[in-house]
Amino acid sequence: MSGSKSWMRYVGLPYRMGADPQRSNATDCIRLVLQVLADAGLNPPAVERQWYRWLAQRDFKAIEADWYRLTEQVPGPEDFAMTLLPTEGDFSIAVVVDNGLLTVKATVGVVWVPLSSMRPLNYRRLKHA
């Protein structure tokens, strides 16, 4: 795994659904987290169009089932573990980096929040990592 802070280059990118941070100056939470995992050498799954269809349909049961299929529980925050953050009637995915959570907020873009300012959350990592 990379020990660099390459994730910092994403902070401040604006939110845009479906945008790839490697190809544009914007991102969404799915692509952000997968890119950070790839940057760390963790070989995350490819983005699936079905994920975006489920989001558009608000099919949270399907999203949750895939989340559990691809990840496994960890006892607490660890580098490159992921968590789902509730947002206004929705959720976003975040990844743990350098004792904080990196995620995308629709109104402000990519942000990093120290874990010390977060309530306890459920953390998972990729099954094959």
C-alpha atoms as a PDB file:
ATOM      1  CA  MET A   1       0.000   0.000   0.000  1.00  0.00           C
ATOM      2  CA  SER A   2       1.123   3.493  -0.707  1.00  0.00           C
ATOM      3  CA  GLY A   3       2.138   5.494   2.332  1.00  0.00           C
ATOM      4  CA  SER A   4       1.846   8.768   0.460  1.00  0.00           C
ATOM      5  CA  LYS A   5      -0.868  11.312   0.964  1.00  0.00           C
ATOM      6  CA  SER A   6      -1.968  11.145  -2.679  1.00  0.00           C
ATOM      7  CA  TRP A   7      -5.590  11.390  -1.514  1.00  0.00           C
ATOM      8  CA  MET A   8      -5.011  15.062  -0.624  1.00  0.00           C
ATOM      9  CA  ARG A   9      -5.130  16.060  -4.295  1.00  0.00           C
ATOM     10  CA  TYR A  10      -8.846  15.252  -4.337  1.00  0.00           C
ATOM     11  CA  VAL A  11      -9.794  17.595  -1.484  1.00  0.00           C
ATOM     12  CA  GLY A  12     -11.837  20.472  -2.872  1.00  0.00           C
ATOM     13  CA  LEU A  13     -12.926  18.741  -6.085  1.00  0.00           C
ATOM     14  CA  PRO A  14     -16.572  19.601  -6.741  1.00  0.00           C
ATOM     15  CA  TYR A  15     -19.324  16.988  -6.677  1.00  0.00           C
ATOM     16  CA  ARG A  16     -20.768  15.728  -9.930  1.00  0.00           C
ATOM     17  CA  MET A  17     -22.595  12.400 -10.144  1.00  0.00           C
ATOM     18  CA  GLY A  18     -20.667   9.908 -12.268  1.00  0.00           C
ATOM     19  CA  ALA A  19     -17.568  12.099 -12.654  1.00  0.00           C
ATOM     20  CA  ASP A  20     -14.229  10.301 -12.564  1.00  0.00           C
ATOM     21  CA  PRO A  21     -11.573  12.265 -10.622  1.00  0.00           C
ATOM     22  CA  GLN A  22      -8.891  10.915 -12.984  1.00  0.00           C
ATOM     23  CA  ARG A  23     -10.632  12.297 -16.075  1.00  0.00           C
ATOM     24  CA  SER A  24     -12.377  15.424 -14.879  1.00  0.00           C
ATOM     25  CA  ASN A  25     -12.199  18.139 -12.284  1.00  0.00           C
ATOM     26  CA  ALA A  26     -15.089  16.629 -10.281  1.00  0.00           C
ATOM     27  CA  THR A  27     -16.146  13.357  -8.643  1.00  0.00           C
ATOM     28  CA  ASP A  28     -18.859  11.542  -6.754  1.00  0.00           C
ATOM     29  CA  CYS A  29     -18.394   9.507  -3.578  1.00  0.00           C
ATOM     30  CA  ILE A  30     -18.319   6.122  -5.318  1.00  0.00           C
ATOM     31  CA  ARG A  31     -15.638   7.078  -7.806  1.00  0.00           C
ATOM     32  CA  LEU A  32     -13.656   8.998  -5.184  1.00  0.00           C
ATOM     33  CA  VAL A  33     -13.454   6.059  -2.771  1.00  0.00           C
ATOM     34  CA  LEU A  34     -12.632   3.547  -5.502  1.00  0.00           C
ATOM     35  CA  GLN A  35      -9.898   5.843  -6.844  1.00  0.00           C
ATOM     36  CA  VAL A  36      -8.345   6.316  -3.383  1.00  0.00           C
ATOM     37  CA  LEU A  37      -8.343   2.529  -2.923  1.00  0.00           C
ATOM     38  CA  ALA A  38      -6.755   2.090  -6.366  1.00  0.00           C
ATOM     39  CA  ASP A  39      -4.141   4.752  -5.558  1.00  0.00           C
ATOM     40  CA  ALA A  40      -3.287   2.689  -2.456  1.00  0.00           C
ATOM     41  CA  GLY A  41      -2.806  -0.440  -4.581  1.00  0.00           C
ATOM     42  CA  LEU A  42      -5.876  -2.253  -3.240  1.00  0.00           C
ATOM     43  CA  ASN A  43      -7.401  -3.255  -6.611  1.00  0.00           C
ATOM     44  CA  PRO A  44     -11.011  -2.171  -5.966  1.00  0.00           C
ATOM     45  CA  PRO A  45     -13.845  -3.413  -8.180  1.00  0.00           C
ATOM     46  CA  ALA A  46     -14.660  -1.527 -11.355  1.00  0.00           C
ATOM     47  CA  VAL A  47     -17.516   0.935 -11.215  1.00  0.00           C
ATOM     48  CA  GLU A  48     -20.742  -0.789 -12.188  1.00  0.00           C
ATOM     49  CA  ARG A  49     -23.466   1.127 -14.037  1.00  0.00           C
ATOM     50  CA  GLN A  50     -26.009  -0.821 -12.003  1.00  0.00           C
ATOM     51  CA  TRP A  51     -24.905   1.079  -8.857  1.00  0.00           C
ATOM     52  CA  TYR A  52     -26.012   4.339 -10.460  1.00  0.00           C
ATOM     53  CA  ARG A  53     -29.295   2.828 -11.632  1.00  0.00           C
ATOM     54  CA  TRP A  54     -29.984   1.666  -8.060  1.00  0.00           C
ATOM     55  CA  LEU A  55     -29.197   5.150  -6.778  1.00  0.00           C
ATOM     56  CA  ALA A  56     -31.529   6.746  -9.319  1.00  0.00           C
ATOM     57  CA  GLN A  57     -34.261   4.281  -8.342  1.00  0.00           C
ATOM     58  CA  ARG A  58     -33.460   4.774  -4.644  1.00  0.00           C
ATOM     59  CA  ASP A  59     -33.121   0.993  -4.357  1.00  0.00           C
ATOM     60  CA  PHE A  60     -31.175   1.056  -1.104  1.00  0.00           C
ATOM     61  CA  LYS A  61     -31.781  -2.669  -0.468  1.00  0.00           C
ATOM     62  CA  ALA A  62     -29.888  -3.570  -3.667  1.00  0.00           C
ATOM     63  CA  ILE A  63     -27.088  -1.152  -2.799  1.00  0.00           C
ATOM     64  CA  GLU A  64     -26.834  -2.585   0.707  1.00  0.00           C
ATOM     65  CA  ALA A  65     -26.728  -6.173  -0.621  1.00  0.00           C
ATOM     66  CA  ASP A  66     -23.846  -5.319  -2.955  1.00  0.00           C
ATOM     67  CA  TRP A  67     -22.068  -3.424  -0.159  1.00  0.00           C
ATOM     68  CA  TYR A  68     -22.123  -6.570   1.998  1.00  0.00           C
ATOM     69  CA  ARG A  69     -21.115  -8.787  -0.941  1.00  0.00           C
ATOM     70  CA  LEU A  70     -17.988  -6.728  -1.642  1.00  0.00           C
ATOM     71  CA  THR A  71     -16.899  -5.869   1.914  1.00  0.00           C
ATOM     72  CA  GLU A  72     -16.267  -7.388   5.340  1.00  0.00           C
ATOM     73  CA  GLN A  73     -16.689  -5.922   8.808  1.00  0.00           C
ATOM     74  CA  VAL A  74     -13.681  -4.514  10.665  1.00  0.00           C
ATOM     75  CA  PRO A  75     -13.721  -3.657  14.374  1.00  0.00           C
ATOM     76  CA  GLY A  76     -13.083   0.040  13.873  1.00  0.00           C
ATOM     77  CA  PRO A  77     -11.557   2.637  11.608  1.00  0.00           C
ATOM     78  CA  GLU A  78      -8.403   1.488   9.863  1.00  0.00           C
ATOM     79  CA  ASP A  79      -6.606   2.896   6.832  1.00  0.00           C
ATOM     80  CA  PHE A  80      -8.695   2.387   3.691  1.00  0.00           C
ATOM     81  CA  ALA A  81     -11.720   0.995   5.532  1.00  0.00           C
ATOM     82  CA  MET A  82     -15.002   2.403   4.270  1.00  0.00           C
ATOM     83  CA  THR A  83     -18.221   3.522   5.884  1.00  0.00           C
ATOM     84  CA  LEU A  84     -21.612   4.739   4.774  1.00  0.00           C
ATOM     85  CA  LEU A  85     -22.507   8.213   6.008  1.00  0.00           C
ATOM     86  CA  PRO A  86     -26.181   9.148   6.239  1.00  0.00           C
ATOM     87  CA  THR A  87     -27.057  12.365   4.433  1.00  0.00           C
ATOM     88  CA  GLU A  88     -30.334  14.127   3.726  1.00  0.00           C
ATOM     89  CA  GLY A  89     -32.533  11.119   2.904  1.00  0.00           C
ATOM     90  CA  ASP A  90     -29.591   9.411   1.238  1.00  0.00           C
ATOM     91  CA  PHE A  91     -26.075   8.306   2.077  1.00  0.00           C
ATOM     92  CA  SER A  92     -22.515   8.772   0.904  1.00  0.00           C
ATOM     93  CA  ILE A  93     -19.545   6.470   1.097  1.00  0.00           C
ATOM     94  CA  ALA A  94     -16.352   7.569   2.845  1.00  0.00           C
ATOM     95  CA  VAL A  95     -12.878   6.079   3.147  1.00  0.00           C
ATOM     96  CA  VAL A  96     -10.532   6.268   6.136  1.00  0.00           C
ATOM     97  CA  VAL A  97      -7.214   7.988   5.397  1.00  0.00           C
ATOM     98  CA  ASP A  98      -4.770   9.476   7.903  1.00  0.00           C
ATOM     99  CA  ASN A  99      -7.167   9.302  10.888  1.00  0.00           C
ATOM    100  CA  GLY A 100      -9.986  10.980   8.997  1.00  0.00           C
ATOM    101  CA  LEU A 101     -12.791  10.320   6.558  1.00  0.00           C
ATOM    102  CA  LEU A 102     -12.550  11.412   2.936  1.00  0.00           C
ATOM    103  CA  THR A 103     -15.909  11.812   1.224  1.00  0.00           C
ATOM    104  CA  VAL A 104     -17.927  14.028  -1.086  1.00  0.00           C
ATOM    105  CA  LYS A 105     -20.611  16.423   0.067  1.00  0.00           C
ATOM    106  CA  ALA A 106     -22.917  17.587  -2.694  1.00  0.00           C
ATOM    107  CA  THR A 107     -22.792  21.205  -1.545  1.00  0.00           C
ATOM    108  CA  VAL A 108     -19.029  21.558  -0.976  1.00  0.00           C
ATOM    109  CA  GLY A 109     -17.294  18.730  -2.853  1.00  0.00           C
ATOM    110  CA  VAL A 110     -14.545  16.486  -1.488  1.00  0.00           C
ATOM    111  CA  VAL A 111     -13.801  16.967   2.202  1.00  0.00           C
ATOM    112  CA  TRP A 112     -11.643  15.302   4.826  1.00  0.00           C
ATOM    113  CA  VAL A 113     -13.060  15.160   8.363  1.00  0.00           C
ATOM    114  CA  PRO A 114     -10.978  14.032  11.373  1.00  0.00           C
ATOM    115  CA  LEU A 115     -12.240  10.822  12.964  1.00  0.00           C
ATOM    116  CA  SER A 116     -12.101  12.551  16.343  1.00  0.00           C
ATOM    117  CA  SER A 117     -15.016  14.743  15.261  1.00  0.00           C
ATOM    118  CA  MET A 118     -17.171  11.821  14.090  1.00  0.00           C
ATOM    119  CA  ARG A 119     -19.625   9.710  16.046  1.00  0.00           C
ATOM    120  CA  PRO A 120     -18.937   5.936  16.076  1.00  0.00           C
ATOM    121  CA  LEU A 121     -19.597   4.368  12.683  1.00  0.00           C
ATOM    122  CA  ASN A 122     -19.669   0.906  11.122  1.00  0.00           C
ATOM    123  CA  TYR A 123     -16.468   0.246   9.122  1.00  0.00           C
ATOM    124  CA  ARG A 124     -15.881  -2.311   6.387  1.00  0.00           C
ATOM    125  CA  ARG A 125     -13.013  -3.137   4.022  1.00  0.00           C
ATOM    126  CA  LEU A 126     -12.862  -4.792   0.635  1.00  0.00           C
ATOM    127  CA  LYS A 127     -12.995  -8.568   1.055  1.00  0.00           C
ATOM    128  CA  HIS A 128      -9.922  -9.221  -1.046  1.00  0.00           C
ATOM    129  CA  ALA A 129      -7.757  -6.426   0.447  1.00  0.00           C
END
